[in-house]
Amino acid sequence: MLETALVAFTTFFTTIDPPGCAFVFAGLMQTATEAERRATAVKGVLVAGGILFFFALFGKGLLGYLAITLPAMRTAGGILLFLIAIEMVFARPSGIYLPTEDEAHEARLRTDVSVFPLAMPLIAGPGAMGAAVLLTAPEAEDPASIAIVLSMMVANLLITLAALLAATRLNKLFGVTGINVITRVMGILLAALAVQFVFDGIAASGLAS
């Protein structure tokens, strides 16, 4: 149980990336009032939470409907997470887990950024959605394990909310360099988890036997 909790917490923390979300959020909300920042942060986290809960609870059924096996999902998800990890290590986002330049420009023109780009793709991005499916699908027959994974997801959403509410102060405290250092460390951890997902997927497929 402890291992399940640790893997789930680490995976969600690295794929959601609360410090990175806070950095982008501060840039999007520069001219907003404190009340507007708070309302946007809460709404964004709630919407992202709904998206992640959907994939966590119904992801395995969706895979079955599409005739995608769990080993294939674990392998593909591991590859996707590894690509995200590479971007995090080199601190050069290309749109996989952060908005593209065009998306960021569009977001600046919006009066409400809580759904796009905050909830998706900043918080509930491809990596986090994939992680929700990968972590819950193997535990589908064990309610206790599912509860642990979901609780770790909620914990990370609460951490993200706290980071968004303190985004301005965090940016002043860490600066761009500090945020990049944290992101690089998380990227290394995510790369190791991603490789393990690929190994598990290949082993479960029977190709390695």
N, C-alpha and C. Protein backbone atom coordinates (compact mmCIF):
# COMPACT_ATOMS: atom_id res chain seq x y z
N MET A 1 0.82 -1.21 0.00
CA MET A 1 0.00 0.00 0.00
C MET A 1 0.86 1.27 0.00
N LEU A 2 1.95 1.22 0.80
CA LEU A 2 2.84 2.37 0.86
C LEU A 2 3.51 2.61 -0.48
N GLU A 3 3.90 1.52 -1.14
CA GLU A 3 4.53 1.65 -2.46
C GLU A 3 3.55 2.23 -3.47
N THR A 4 2.29 1.77 -3.42
CA THR A 4 1.26 2.29 -4.33
C THR A 4 1.06 3.79 -4.11
N ALA A 5 1.01 4.19 -2.85
CA ALA A 5 0.82 5.61 -2.52
C ALA A 5 2.00 6.44 -3.00
N LEU A 6 3.21 5.92 -2.78
CA LEU A 6 4.41 6.68 -3.15
C LEU A 6 4.51 6.85 -4.66
N VAL A 7 4.27 5.75 -5.39
CA VAL A 7 4.34 5.82 -6.86
C VAL A 7 3.26 6.75 -7.40
N ALA A 8 2.03 6.64 -6.85
CA ALA A 8 0.93 7.49 -7.32
C ALA A 8 1.20 8.95 -7.03
N PHE A 9 1.67 9.26 -5.81
CA PHE A 9 1.93 10.66 -5.47
C PHE A 9 3.02 11.24 -6.36
N THR A 10 4.12 10.50 -6.52
CA THR A 10 5.24 10.99 -7.32
C THR A 10 4.83 11.18 -8.78
N THR A 11 4.08 10.22 -9.31
CA THR A 11 3.67 10.32 -10.72
C THR A 11 2.76 11.51 -10.95
N PHE A 12 1.77 11.69 -10.08
CA PHE A 12 0.87 12.83 -10.25
C PHE A 12 1.59 14.16 -10.02
N PHE A 13 2.51 14.18 -9.05
CA PHE A 13 3.22 15.44 -8.76
C PHE A 13 4.08 15.86 -9.95
N THR A 14 4.73 14.88 -10.58
CA THR A 14 5.61 15.22 -11.70
C THR A 14 4.82 15.54 -12.97
N THR A 15 3.67 14.88 -13.17
CA THR A 15 2.91 15.15 -14.39
C THR A 15 2.05 16.41 -14.27
N ILE A 16 1.53 16.68 -13.09
CA ILE A 16 0.76 17.92 -12.89
C ILE A 16 1.70 19.11 -12.77
N ASP A 17 2.82 18.92 -12.05
CA ASP A 17 3.85 19.95 -11.90
C ASP A 17 3.29 21.24 -11.28
N PRO A 18 2.92 21.20 -9.99
CA PRO A 18 2.37 22.41 -9.33
C PRO A 18 3.24 23.66 -9.45
N PRO A 19 4.58 23.57 -9.26
CA PRO A 19 5.38 24.80 -9.42
C PRO A 19 5.30 25.38 -10.82
N GLY A 20 5.33 24.50 -11.84
CA GLY A 20 5.24 24.97 -13.22
C GLY A 20 3.89 25.60 -13.50
N CYS A 21 2.82 24.99 -12.98
CA CYS A 21 1.48 25.56 -13.15
C CYS A 21 1.40 26.95 -12.52
N ALA A 22 2.00 27.08 -11.33
CA ALA A 22 1.97 28.37 -10.64
C ALA A 22 2.71 29.44 -11.43
N PHE A 23 3.83 29.06 -12.04
CA PHE A 23 4.62 30.01 -12.82
C PHE A 23 3.82 30.55 -14.00
N VAL A 24 3.18 29.64 -14.75
CA VAL A 24 2.37 30.06 -15.90
C VAL A 24 1.15 30.84 -15.44
N PHE A 25 0.52 30.39 -14.36
CA PHE A 25 -0.68 31.04 -13.84
C PHE A 25 -0.39 32.49 -13.45
N ALA A 26 0.75 32.72 -12.83
CA ALA A 26 1.11 34.08 -12.44
C ALA A 26 1.24 34.99 -13.66
N GLY A 27 1.78 34.44 -14.74
CA GLY A 27 1.91 35.23 -15.96
C GLY A 27 0.57 35.53 -16.60
N LEU A 28 -0.37 34.59 -16.54
CA LEU A 28 -1.68 34.79 -17.14
C LEU A 28 -2.55 35.76 -16.33
N MET A 29 -2.29 35.85 -15.03
CA MET A 29 -3.16 36.63 -14.14
C MET A 29 -2.49 37.89 -13.61
N GLN A 30 -1.57 38.43 -14.37
CA GLN A 30 -0.80 39.59 -13.90
C GLN A 30 -1.68 40.79 -13.54
N THR A 31 -2.72 41.02 -14.34
CA THR A 31 -3.55 42.21 -14.13
C THR A 31 -4.81 41.90 -13.32
N ALA A 32 -4.97 40.68 -12.86
CA ALA A 32 -6.18 40.29 -12.13
C ALA A 32 -6.08 40.69 -10.66
N THR A 33 -7.24 40.86 -10.06
CA THR A 33 -7.28 41.14 -8.63
C THR A 33 -7.07 39.86 -7.84
N GLU A 34 -6.84 39.99 -6.54
CA GLU A 34 -6.64 38.82 -5.70
C GLU A 34 -7.87 37.92 -5.70
N ALA A 35 -9.05 38.53 -5.67
CA ALA A 35 -10.29 37.76 -5.68
C ALA A 35 -10.44 37.00 -7.00
N GLU A 36 -10.08 37.63 -8.12
CA GLU A 36 -10.17 36.97 -9.43
C GLU A 36 -9.18 35.83 -9.52
N ARG A 37 -7.98 36.02 -8.99
CA ARG A 37 -6.99 34.93 -8.99
C ARG A 37 -7.50 33.75 -8.19
N ARG A 38 -8.07 34.04 -7.02
CA ARG A 38 -8.56 32.96 -6.15
C ARG A 38 -9.69 32.19 -6.83
N ALA A 39 -10.64 32.90 -7.40
CA ALA A 39 -11.78 32.25 -8.05
C ALA A 39 -11.33 31.42 -9.25
N THR A 40 -10.41 31.96 -10.03
CA THR A 40 -9.91 31.25 -11.21
C THR A 40 -9.16 29.99 -10.80
N ALA A 41 -8.34 30.11 -9.76
CA ALA A 41 -7.56 28.95 -9.30
C ALA A 41 -8.48 27.83 -8.81
N VAL A 42 -9.47 28.18 -8.02
CA VAL A 42 -10.39 27.17 -7.48
C VAL A 42 -11.17 26.49 -8.61
N LYS A 43 -11.70 27.30 -9.53
CA LYS A 43 -12.47 26.74 -10.65
C LYS A 43 -11.59 25.84 -11.51
N GLY A 44 -10.37 26.29 -11.81
CA GLY A 44 -9.46 25.52 -12.64
C GLY A 44 -9.13 24.16 -12.03
N VAL A 45 -8.85 24.15 -10.73
CA VAL A 45 -8.52 22.89 -10.04
C VAL A 45 -9.73 21.96 -10.00
N LEU A 46 -10.92 22.51 -9.78
CA LEU A 46 -12.13 21.68 -9.75
C LEU A 46 -12.40 21.05 -11.11
N VAL A 47 -12.27 21.83 -12.17
CA VAL A 47 -12.50 21.30 -13.52
C VAL A 47 -11.45 20.23 -13.85
N ALA A 48 -10.19 20.53 -13.54
CA ALA A 48 -9.12 19.56 -13.79
C ALA A 48 -9.35 18.29 -12.98
N GLY A 49 -9.80 18.45 -11.73
CA GLY A 49 -10.09 17.29 -10.90
C GLY A 49 -11.18 16.43 -11.50
N GLY A 50 -12.22 17.06 -12.04
CA GLY A 50 -13.29 16.31 -12.69
C GLY A 50 -12.78 15.51 -13.88
N ILE A 51 -11.90 16.13 -14.67
CA ILE A 51 -11.33 15.45 -15.84
C ILE A 51 -10.49 14.24 -15.42
N LEU A 52 -9.64 14.45 -14.41
CA LEU A 52 -8.77 13.37 -13.96
C LEU A 52 -9.56 12.24 -13.31
N PHE A 53 -10.59 12.60 -12.55
CA PHE A 53 -11.43 11.57 -11.93
C PHE A 53 -12.14 10.74 -13.01
N PHE A 54 -12.57 11.39 -14.07
CA PHE A 54 -13.22 10.67 -15.17
C PHE A 54 -12.28 9.63 -15.75
N PHE A 55 -11.04 10.03 -16.04
CA PHE A 55 -10.09 9.09 -16.63
C PHE A 55 -9.69 8.02 -15.63
N ALA A 56 -9.61 8.38 -14.34
CA ALA A 56 -9.24 7.39 -13.33
C ALA A 56 -10.32 6.33 -13.16
N LEU A 57 -11.59 6.74 -13.18
CA LEU A 57 -12.68 5.82 -12.90
C LEU A 57 -13.18 5.08 -14.14
N PHE A 58 -13.09 5.73 -15.29
CA PHE A 58 -13.66 5.12 -16.50
C PHE A 58 -12.61 4.84 -17.57
N GLY A 59 -11.36 5.09 -17.27
CA GLY A 59 -10.30 4.90 -18.26
C GLY A 59 -10.17 3.47 -18.72
N LYS A 60 -10.25 2.51 -17.78
CA LYS A 60 -10.12 1.11 -18.17
C LYS A 60 -11.27 0.68 -19.08
N GLY A 61 -12.50 1.13 -18.75
CA GLY A 61 -13.64 0.80 -19.61
C GLY A 61 -13.48 1.39 -20.99
N LEU A 62 -12.93 2.61 -21.07
CA LEU A 62 -12.70 3.25 -22.36
C LEU A 62 -11.68 2.47 -23.17
N LEU A 63 -10.63 1.98 -22.49
CA LEU A 63 -9.63 1.17 -23.18
C LEU A 63 -10.25 -0.10 -23.74
N GLY A 64 -11.11 -0.74 -22.92
CA GLY A 64 -11.77 -1.95 -23.38
C GLY A 64 -12.66 -1.70 -24.58
N TYR A 65 -13.38 -0.57 -24.56
CA TYR A 65 -14.26 -0.23 -25.69
C TYR A 65 -13.46 -0.03 -26.96
N LEU A 66 -12.26 0.52 -26.82
CA LEU A 66 -11.41 0.78 -27.99
C LEU A 66 -10.51 -0.41 -28.32
N ALA A 67 -10.69 -1.50 -27.57
CA ALA A 67 -9.90 -2.73 -27.78
C ALA A 67 -8.40 -2.48 -27.59
N ILE A 68 -8.07 -1.64 -26.61
CA ILE A 68 -6.67 -1.36 -26.29
C ILE A 68 -6.33 -2.13 -25.01
N THR A 69 -5.31 -2.95 -25.06
CA THR A 69 -4.93 -3.73 -23.89
C THR A 69 -4.18 -2.85 -22.88
N LEU A 70 -4.22 -3.28 -21.61
CA LEU A 70 -3.52 -2.53 -20.58
C LEU A 70 -2.00 -2.49 -20.81
N PRO A 71 -1.37 -3.62 -21.22
CA PRO A 71 0.07 -3.54 -21.52
C PRO A 71 0.39 -2.51 -22.60
N ALA A 72 -0.46 -2.43 -23.63
CA ALA A 72 -0.23 -1.43 -24.69
C ALA A 72 -0.35 -0.02 -24.12
N MET A 73 -1.34 0.19 -23.24
CA MET A 73 -1.53 1.50 -22.64
C MET A 73 -0.36 1.86 -21.74
N ARG A 74 0.13 0.88 -20.97
CA ARG A 74 1.26 1.15 -20.08
C ARG A 74 2.50 1.49 -20.90
N THR A 75 2.73 0.79 -22.00
CA THR A 75 3.90 1.06 -22.83
C THR A 75 3.79 2.42 -23.50
N ALA A 76 2.62 2.69 -24.11
CA ALA A 76 2.43 3.99 -24.77
C ALA A 76 2.46 5.12 -23.77
N GLY A 77 1.82 4.92 -22.61
CA GLY A 77 1.83 5.95 -21.59
C GLY A 77 3.22 6.21 -21.07
N GLY A 78 4.01 5.14 -20.92
CA GLY A 78 5.39 5.33 -20.48
C GLY A 78 6.22 6.13 -21.47
N ILE A 79 6.00 5.86 -22.76
CA ILE A 79 6.72 6.62 -23.80
C ILE A 79 6.33 8.10 -23.75
N LEU A 80 5.01 8.37 -23.61
CA LEU A 80 4.54 9.76 -23.53
C LEU A 80 5.13 10.45 -22.31
N LEU A 81 5.10 9.77 -21.15
CA LEU A 81 5.65 10.37 -19.94
C LEU A 81 7.15 10.61 -20.08
N PHE A 82 7.84 9.73 -20.80
CA PHE A 82 9.28 9.91 -21.00
C PHE A 82 9.56 11.15 -21.86
N LEU A 83 8.72 11.37 -22.88
CA LEU A 83 8.88 12.58 -23.71
C LEU A 83 8.67 13.84 -22.87
N ILE A 84 7.65 13.79 -21.99
CA ILE A 84 7.40 14.92 -21.09
C ILE A 84 8.59 15.12 -20.16
N ALA A 85 9.15 14.01 -19.66
CA ALA A 85 10.30 14.09 -18.75
C ALA A 85 11.49 14.75 -19.43
N ILE A 86 11.72 14.42 -20.70
CA ILE A 86 12.82 15.04 -21.44
C ILE A 86 12.64 16.55 -21.52
N GLU A 87 11.41 16.98 -21.81
CA GLU A 87 11.15 18.42 -21.87
C GLU A 87 11.39 19.08 -20.51
N MET A 88 10.97 18.39 -19.45
CA MET A 88 11.15 18.96 -18.12
C MET A 88 12.62 19.06 -17.76
N VAL A 89 13.40 18.04 -18.09
CA VAL A 89 14.84 18.05 -17.77
C VAL A 89 15.56 19.17 -18.50
N PHE A 90 15.19 19.40 -19.77
CA PHE A 90 15.85 20.43 -20.56
C PHE A 90 15.13 21.77 -20.48
N ALA A 91 14.00 21.81 -19.72
CA ALA A 91 13.26 23.06 -19.51
C ALA A 91 12.93 23.76 -20.82
N ARG A 92 12.42 22.98 -21.76
CA ARG A 92 12.06 23.55 -23.05
C ARG A 92 10.71 22.99 -23.51
N PRO A 93 9.62 23.46 -22.92
CA PRO A 93 8.29 22.94 -23.27
C PRO A 93 7.95 23.18 -24.73
N SER A 94 7.34 22.16 -25.36
CA SER A 94 6.96 22.28 -26.77
C SER A 94 5.46 22.12 -26.97
N GLY A 95 4.70 22.08 -25.88
CA GLY A 95 3.26 21.97 -26.01
C GLY A 95 2.70 20.64 -25.55
N ILE A 96 3.56 19.69 -25.12
CA ILE A 96 3.06 18.41 -24.66
C ILE A 96 2.40 18.56 -23.30
N TYR A 97 3.05 19.27 -22.38
CA TYR A 97 2.46 19.42 -21.06
C TYR A 97 2.23 20.88 -20.67
N LEU A 98 2.60 21.80 -21.53
CA LEU A 98 2.30 23.22 -21.34
C LEU A 98 1.69 23.76 -22.63
N PRO A 99 0.95 24.88 -22.56
CA PRO A 99 0.36 25.43 -23.77
C PRO A 99 1.42 25.82 -24.79
N THR A 100 1.08 25.67 -26.07
CA THR A 100 1.98 26.13 -27.11
C THR A 100 1.99 27.66 -27.11
N GLU A 101 2.88 28.24 -27.90
CA GLU A 101 2.96 29.71 -27.96
C GLU A 101 1.65 30.31 -28.45
N ASP A 102 1.04 29.69 -29.46
CA ASP A 102 -0.24 30.18 -29.98
C ASP A 102 -1.35 30.05 -28.94
N GLU A 103 -1.36 28.93 -28.20
CA GLU A 103 -2.37 28.74 -27.16
C GLU A 103 -2.19 29.74 -26.04
N ALA A 104 -0.95 30.00 -25.66
CA ALA A 104 -0.69 30.98 -24.61
C ALA A 104 -1.15 32.37 -25.04
N HIS A 105 -0.92 32.71 -26.32
CA HIS A 105 -1.36 34.01 -26.83
C HIS A 105 -2.87 34.12 -26.79
N GLU A 106 -3.56 33.04 -27.19
CA GLU A 106 -5.02 33.04 -27.15
C GLU A 106 -5.53 33.17 -25.72
N ALA A 107 -4.83 32.51 -24.79
CA ALA A 107 -5.26 32.55 -23.40
C ALA A 107 -5.17 33.96 -22.83
N ARG A 108 -4.17 34.72 -23.26
CA ARG A 108 -4.02 36.10 -22.76
C ARG A 108 -5.17 36.98 -23.19
N LEU A 109 -5.85 36.62 -24.25
CA LEU A 109 -6.96 37.41 -24.75
C LEU A 109 -8.28 37.04 -24.07
N ARG A 110 -8.27 35.95 -23.31
CA ARG A 110 -9.49 35.49 -22.64
C ARG A 110 -9.66 36.18 -21.30
N THR A 111 -10.90 36.39 -20.91
CA THR A 111 -11.18 36.96 -19.59
C THR A 111 -11.24 35.86 -18.53
N ASP A 112 -11.50 34.64 -18.94
CA ASP A 112 -11.56 33.51 -18.02
C ASP A 112 -10.64 32.42 -18.52
N VAL A 113 -9.54 32.19 -17.79
CA VAL A 113 -8.56 31.17 -18.21
C VAL A 113 -8.66 29.93 -17.34
N SER A 114 -9.71 29.81 -16.55
CA SER A 114 -9.80 28.70 -15.59
C SER A 114 -9.92 27.34 -16.27
N VAL A 115 -10.69 27.28 -17.38
CA VAL A 115 -10.85 26.01 -18.08
C VAL A 115 -9.70 25.80 -19.06
N PHE A 116 -9.47 26.77 -19.92
CA PHE A 116 -8.34 26.74 -20.85
C PHE A 116 -7.53 28.02 -20.68
N PRO A 117 -6.24 27.93 -20.43
CA PRO A 117 -5.42 26.72 -20.41
C PRO A 117 -5.15 26.17 -19.01
N LEU A 118 -5.80 26.72 -17.95
CA LEU A 118 -5.43 26.30 -16.60
C LEU A 118 -5.81 24.85 -16.31
N ALA A 119 -7.12 24.55 -16.39
CA ALA A 119 -7.55 23.19 -16.08
C ALA A 119 -6.95 22.19 -17.06
N MET A 120 -6.98 22.57 -18.34
CA MET A 120 -6.45 21.71 -19.39
C MET A 120 -5.81 22.60 -20.46
N PRO A 121 -4.54 22.48 -20.76
CA PRO A 121 -3.67 21.35 -20.44
C PRO A 121 -2.72 21.54 -19.28
N LEU A 122 -2.79 22.67 -18.55
CA LEU A 122 -1.80 22.91 -17.49
C LEU A 122 -1.88 21.86 -16.39
N ILE A 123 -3.06 21.70 -15.78
CA ILE A 123 -3.20 20.77 -14.66
C ILE A 123 -3.52 19.37 -15.17
N ALA A 124 -4.61 19.23 -15.89
CA ALA A 124 -5.01 17.92 -16.44
C ALA A 124 -4.51 17.81 -17.87
N GLY A 125 -3.22 17.68 -18.01
CA GLY A 125 -2.63 17.54 -19.33
C GLY A 125 -2.58 16.08 -19.75
N PRO A 126 -2.04 15.80 -20.94
CA PRO A 126 -1.96 14.41 -21.42
C PRO A 126 -1.23 13.49 -20.46
N GLY A 127 -0.15 13.99 -19.85
CA GLY A 127 0.60 13.17 -18.91
C GLY A 127 -0.20 12.80 -17.68
N ALA A 128 -0.90 13.78 -17.10
CA ALA A 128 -1.70 13.52 -15.90
C ALA A 128 -2.88 12.60 -16.21
N MET A 129 -3.52 12.81 -17.37
CA MET A 129 -4.65 11.94 -17.75
C MET A 129 -4.17 10.52 -18.00
N GLY A 130 -3.04 10.39 -18.67
CA GLY A 130 -2.49 9.06 -18.90
C GLY A 130 -2.10 8.39 -17.59
N ALA A 131 -1.53 9.17 -16.68
CA ALA A 131 -1.15 8.62 -15.38
C ALA A 131 -2.37 8.13 -14.61
N ALA A 132 -3.48 8.87 -14.70
CA ALA A 132 -4.70 8.48 -13.99
C ALA A 132 -5.18 7.11 -14.47
N VAL A 133 -5.08 6.87 -15.76
CA VAL A 133 -5.50 5.57 -16.31
C VAL A 133 -4.49 4.49 -15.94
N LEU A 134 -3.20 4.78 -16.09
CA LEU A 134 -2.16 3.79 -15.84
C LEU A 134 -2.14 3.33 -14.39
N LEU A 135 -2.42 4.26 -13.47
CA LEU A 135 -2.32 3.93 -12.05
C LEU A 135 -3.55 3.22 -11.51
N THR A 136 -4.69 3.45 -12.13
CA THR A 136 -5.93 2.86 -11.61
C THR A 136 -6.34 1.58 -12.32
N ALA A 137 -6.02 1.45 -13.61
CA ALA A 137 -6.46 0.28 -14.36
C ALA A 137 -5.97 -1.04 -13.77
N PRO A 138 -4.69 -1.16 -13.37
CA PRO A 138 -4.24 -2.44 -12.81
C PRO A 138 -4.88 -2.74 -11.45
N GLU A 139 -5.40 -1.70 -10.76
CA GLU A 139 -5.95 -1.88 -9.42
C GLU A 139 -7.47 -1.94 -9.42
N ALA A 140 -8.08 -2.13 -10.61
CA ALA A 140 -9.53 -2.01 -10.74
C ALA A 140 -10.30 -2.95 -9.82
N GLU A 141 -9.72 -4.11 -9.49
CA GLU A 141 -10.42 -5.08 -8.65
C GLU A 141 -10.11 -4.89 -7.17
N ASP A 142 -9.32 -3.89 -6.84
CA ASP A 142 -8.93 -3.66 -5.45
C ASP A 142 -9.38 -2.25 -5.03
N PRO A 143 -10.54 -2.12 -4.38
CA PRO A 143 -11.05 -0.80 -3.99
C PRO A 143 -10.09 -0.03 -3.10
N ALA A 144 -9.35 -0.72 -2.23
CA ALA A 144 -8.41 -0.04 -1.33
C ALA A 144 -7.30 0.64 -2.13
N SER A 145 -6.77 -0.06 -3.14
CA SER A 145 -5.71 0.52 -3.96
C SER A 145 -6.23 1.69 -4.78
N ILE A 146 -7.45 1.55 -5.31
CA ILE A 146 -8.06 2.65 -6.06
C ILE A 146 -8.21 3.87 -5.16
N ALA A 147 -8.65 3.63 -3.93
CA ALA A 147 -8.83 4.75 -2.98
C ALA A 147 -7.51 5.44 -2.70
N ILE A 148 -6.43 4.67 -2.61
CA ILE A 148 -5.11 5.25 -2.34
C ILE A 148 -4.68 6.11 -3.53
N VAL A 149 -4.84 5.59 -4.74
CA VAL A 149 -4.46 6.35 -5.94
C VAL A 149 -5.26 7.64 -6.03
N LEU A 150 -6.58 7.55 -5.80
CA LEU A 150 -7.42 8.74 -5.89
C LEU A 150 -7.08 9.75 -4.80
N SER A 151 -6.74 9.27 -3.62
CA SER A 151 -6.37 10.18 -2.53
C SER A 151 -5.06 10.90 -2.85
N MET A 152 -4.12 10.20 -3.49
CA MET A 152 -2.87 10.84 -3.89
C MET A 152 -3.12 11.88 -4.98
N MET A 153 -4.10 11.59 -5.86
CA MET A 153 -4.45 12.55 -6.89
C MET A 153 -5.07 13.80 -6.27
N VAL A 154 -5.96 13.60 -5.30
CA VAL A 154 -6.58 14.73 -4.61
C VAL A 154 -5.53 15.55 -3.86
N ALA A 155 -4.58 14.85 -3.23
CA ALA A 155 -3.52 15.54 -2.51
C ALA A 155 -2.73 16.45 -3.44
N ASN A 156 -2.43 15.96 -4.64
CA ASN A 156 -1.69 16.77 -5.60
C ASN A 156 -2.52 17.93 -6.14
N LEU A 157 -3.82 17.72 -6.29
CA LEU A 157 -4.68 18.82 -6.71
C LEU A 157 -4.73 19.91 -5.65
N LEU A 158 -4.74 19.51 -4.37
CA LEU A 158 -4.73 20.49 -3.28
C LEU A 158 -3.40 21.23 -3.24
N ILE A 159 -2.30 20.52 -3.47
CA ILE A 159 -0.99 21.16 -3.53
C ILE A 159 -0.95 22.15 -4.69
N THR A 160 -1.52 21.75 -5.81
CA THR A 160 -1.57 22.64 -6.98
C THR A 160 -2.39 23.89 -6.67
N LEU A 161 -3.53 23.71 -6.00
CA LEU A 161 -4.35 24.86 -5.63
C LEU A 161 -3.57 25.80 -4.73
N ALA A 162 -2.87 25.25 -3.74
CA ALA A 162 -2.07 26.09 -2.84
C ALA A 162 -0.98 26.83 -3.62
N ALA A 163 -0.36 26.14 -4.59
CA ALA A 163 0.69 26.77 -5.39
C ALA A 163 0.12 27.90 -6.24
N LEU A 164 -1.09 27.69 -6.81
CA LEU A 164 -1.71 28.73 -7.62
C LEU A 164 -2.06 29.95 -6.78
N LEU A 165 -2.58 29.71 -5.58
CA LEU A 165 -2.96 30.83 -4.70
C LEU A 165 -1.73 31.61 -4.25
N ALA A 166 -0.59 30.93 -4.19
CA ALA A 166 0.65 31.60 -3.76
C ALA A 166 1.59 31.82 -4.95
N ALA A 167 1.04 31.83 -6.16
CA ALA A 167 1.86 31.88 -7.37
C ALA A 167 2.78 33.09 -7.42
N THR A 168 2.26 34.25 -7.12
CA THR A 168 3.08 35.47 -7.19
C THR A 168 4.24 35.40 -6.21
N ARG A 169 3.95 34.96 -4.99
CA ARG A 169 5.01 34.86 -3.97
C ARG A 169 6.03 33.79 -4.33
N LEU A 170 5.56 32.67 -4.88
CA LEU A 170 6.48 31.60 -5.28
C LEU A 170 7.42 32.05 -6.39
N ASN A 171 6.87 32.79 -7.35
CA ASN A 171 7.70 33.27 -8.45
C ASN A 171 8.77 34.24 -7.97
N LYS A 172 8.39 35.10 -7.01
CA LYS A 172 9.37 36.04 -6.45
C LYS A 172 10.42 35.30 -5.64
N LEU A 173 10.00 34.22 -4.96
CA LEU A 173 10.91 33.47 -4.10
C LEU A 173 11.90 32.64 -4.92
N PHE A 174 11.40 31.90 -5.90
CA PHE A 174 12.26 30.98 -6.66
C PHE A 174 12.79 31.57 -7.95
N GLY A 175 12.01 32.44 -8.59
CA GLY A 175 12.42 32.98 -9.88
C GLY A 175 12.38 31.90 -10.96
N VAL A 176 12.71 32.30 -12.18
CA VAL A 176 12.68 31.37 -13.30
C VAL A 176 13.69 30.25 -13.10
N THR A 177 14.89 30.59 -12.63
CA THR A 177 15.94 29.58 -12.44
C THR A 177 15.52 28.56 -11.40
N GLY A 178 14.98 29.02 -10.30
CA GLY A 178 14.55 28.11 -9.24
C GLY A 178 13.46 27.17 -9.70
N ILE A 179 12.47 27.71 -10.42
CA ILE A 179 11.39 26.88 -10.96
C ILE A 179 11.95 25.84 -11.92
N ASN A 180 12.90 26.23 -12.75
CA ASN A 180 13.50 25.29 -13.70
C ASN A 180 14.28 24.19 -13.01
N VAL A 181 14.96 24.53 -11.91
CA VAL A 181 15.70 23.51 -11.15
C VAL A 181 14.74 22.47 -10.60
N ILE A 182 13.63 22.94 -10.00
CA ILE A 182 12.62 22.02 -9.46
C ILE A 182 12.05 21.16 -10.58
N THR A 183 11.75 21.78 -11.72
CA THR A 183 11.18 21.04 -12.85
C THR A 183 12.15 19.99 -13.37
N ARG A 184 13.44 20.32 -13.41
CA ARG A 184 14.43 19.35 -13.90
C ARG A 184 14.53 18.15 -12.96
N VAL A 185 14.51 18.40 -11.67
CA VAL A 185 14.57 17.29 -10.71
C VAL A 185 13.34 16.38 -10.88
N MET A 186 12.16 16.99 -11.01
CA MET A 186 10.95 16.21 -11.21
C MET A 186 10.99 15.46 -12.54
N GLY A 187 11.62 16.06 -13.54
CA GLY A 187 11.75 15.40 -14.83
C GLY A 187 12.58 14.13 -14.75
N ILE A 188 13.64 14.16 -13.95
CA ILE A 188 14.47 12.97 -13.77
C ILE A 188 13.66 11.85 -13.11
N LEU A 189 12.90 12.20 -12.07
CA LEU A 189 12.05 11.21 -11.41
C LEU A 189 11.00 10.65 -12.37
N LEU A 190 10.41 11.53 -13.16
CA LEU A 190 9.38 11.10 -14.10
C LEU A 190 9.98 10.19 -15.17
N ALA A 191 11.19 10.47 -15.61
CA ALA A 191 11.84 9.62 -16.62
C ALA A 191 12.00 8.20 -16.10
N ALA A 192 12.41 8.06 -14.84
CA ALA A 192 12.58 6.73 -14.25
C ALA A 192 11.24 6.01 -14.15
N LEU A 193 10.19 6.72 -13.72
CA LEU A 193 8.86 6.12 -13.65
C LEU A 193 8.36 5.72 -15.03
N ALA A 194 8.63 6.56 -16.02
CA ALA A 194 8.19 6.28 -17.39
C ALA A 194 8.84 5.00 -17.93
N VAL A 195 10.13 4.86 -17.70
CA VAL A 195 10.84 3.66 -18.15
C VAL A 195 10.27 2.42 -17.46
N GLN A 196 9.95 2.55 -16.17
CA GLN A 196 9.37 1.42 -15.45
C GLN A 196 8.01 1.04 -16.03
N PHE A 197 7.21 2.04 -16.41
CA PHE A 197 5.92 1.76 -17.05
C PHE A 197 6.13 0.98 -18.35
N VAL A 198 7.13 1.37 -19.14
CA VAL A 198 7.41 0.67 -20.39
C VAL A 198 7.84 -0.76 -20.12
N PHE A 199 8.75 -0.94 -19.15
CA PHE A 199 9.20 -2.29 -18.79
C PHE A 199 8.02 -3.16 -18.37
N ASP A 200 7.14 -2.59 -17.51
CA ASP A 200 5.98 -3.36 -17.03
C ASP A 200 5.04 -3.71 -18.18
N GLY A 201 4.85 -2.76 -19.10
CA GLY A 201 3.98 -3.02 -20.24
C GLY A 201 4.50 -4.11 -21.14
N ILE A 202 5.80 -4.08 -21.41
CA ILE A 202 6.40 -5.11 -22.26
C ILE A 202 6.37 -6.47 -21.57
N ALA A 203 6.66 -6.48 -20.27
CA ALA A 203 6.62 -7.75 -19.53
C ALA A 203 5.21 -8.34 -19.50
N ALA A 204 4.20 -7.49 -19.29
CA ALA A 204 2.83 -7.96 -19.22
C ALA A 204 2.32 -8.43 -20.58
N SER A 205 2.90 -7.91 -21.65
CA SER A 205 2.44 -8.28 -22.99
C SER A 205 2.91 -9.67 -23.40
N GLY A 206 3.94 -10.17 -22.71
CA GLY A 206 4.49 -11.47 -23.05
C GLY A 206 5.56 -11.43 -24.12
N LEU A 207 5.86 -10.24 -24.62
CA LEU A 207 6.87 -10.13 -25.69
C LEU A 207 8.27 -10.43 -25.18
N ALA A 208 8.49 -10.19 -23.87
CA ALA A 208 9.82 -10.38 -23.31
C ALA A 208 10.08 -11.81 -22.88
N SER A 209 9.07 -12.65 -22.94
CA SER A 209 9.23 -14.04 -22.47
C SER A 209 9.83 -14.93 -23.57
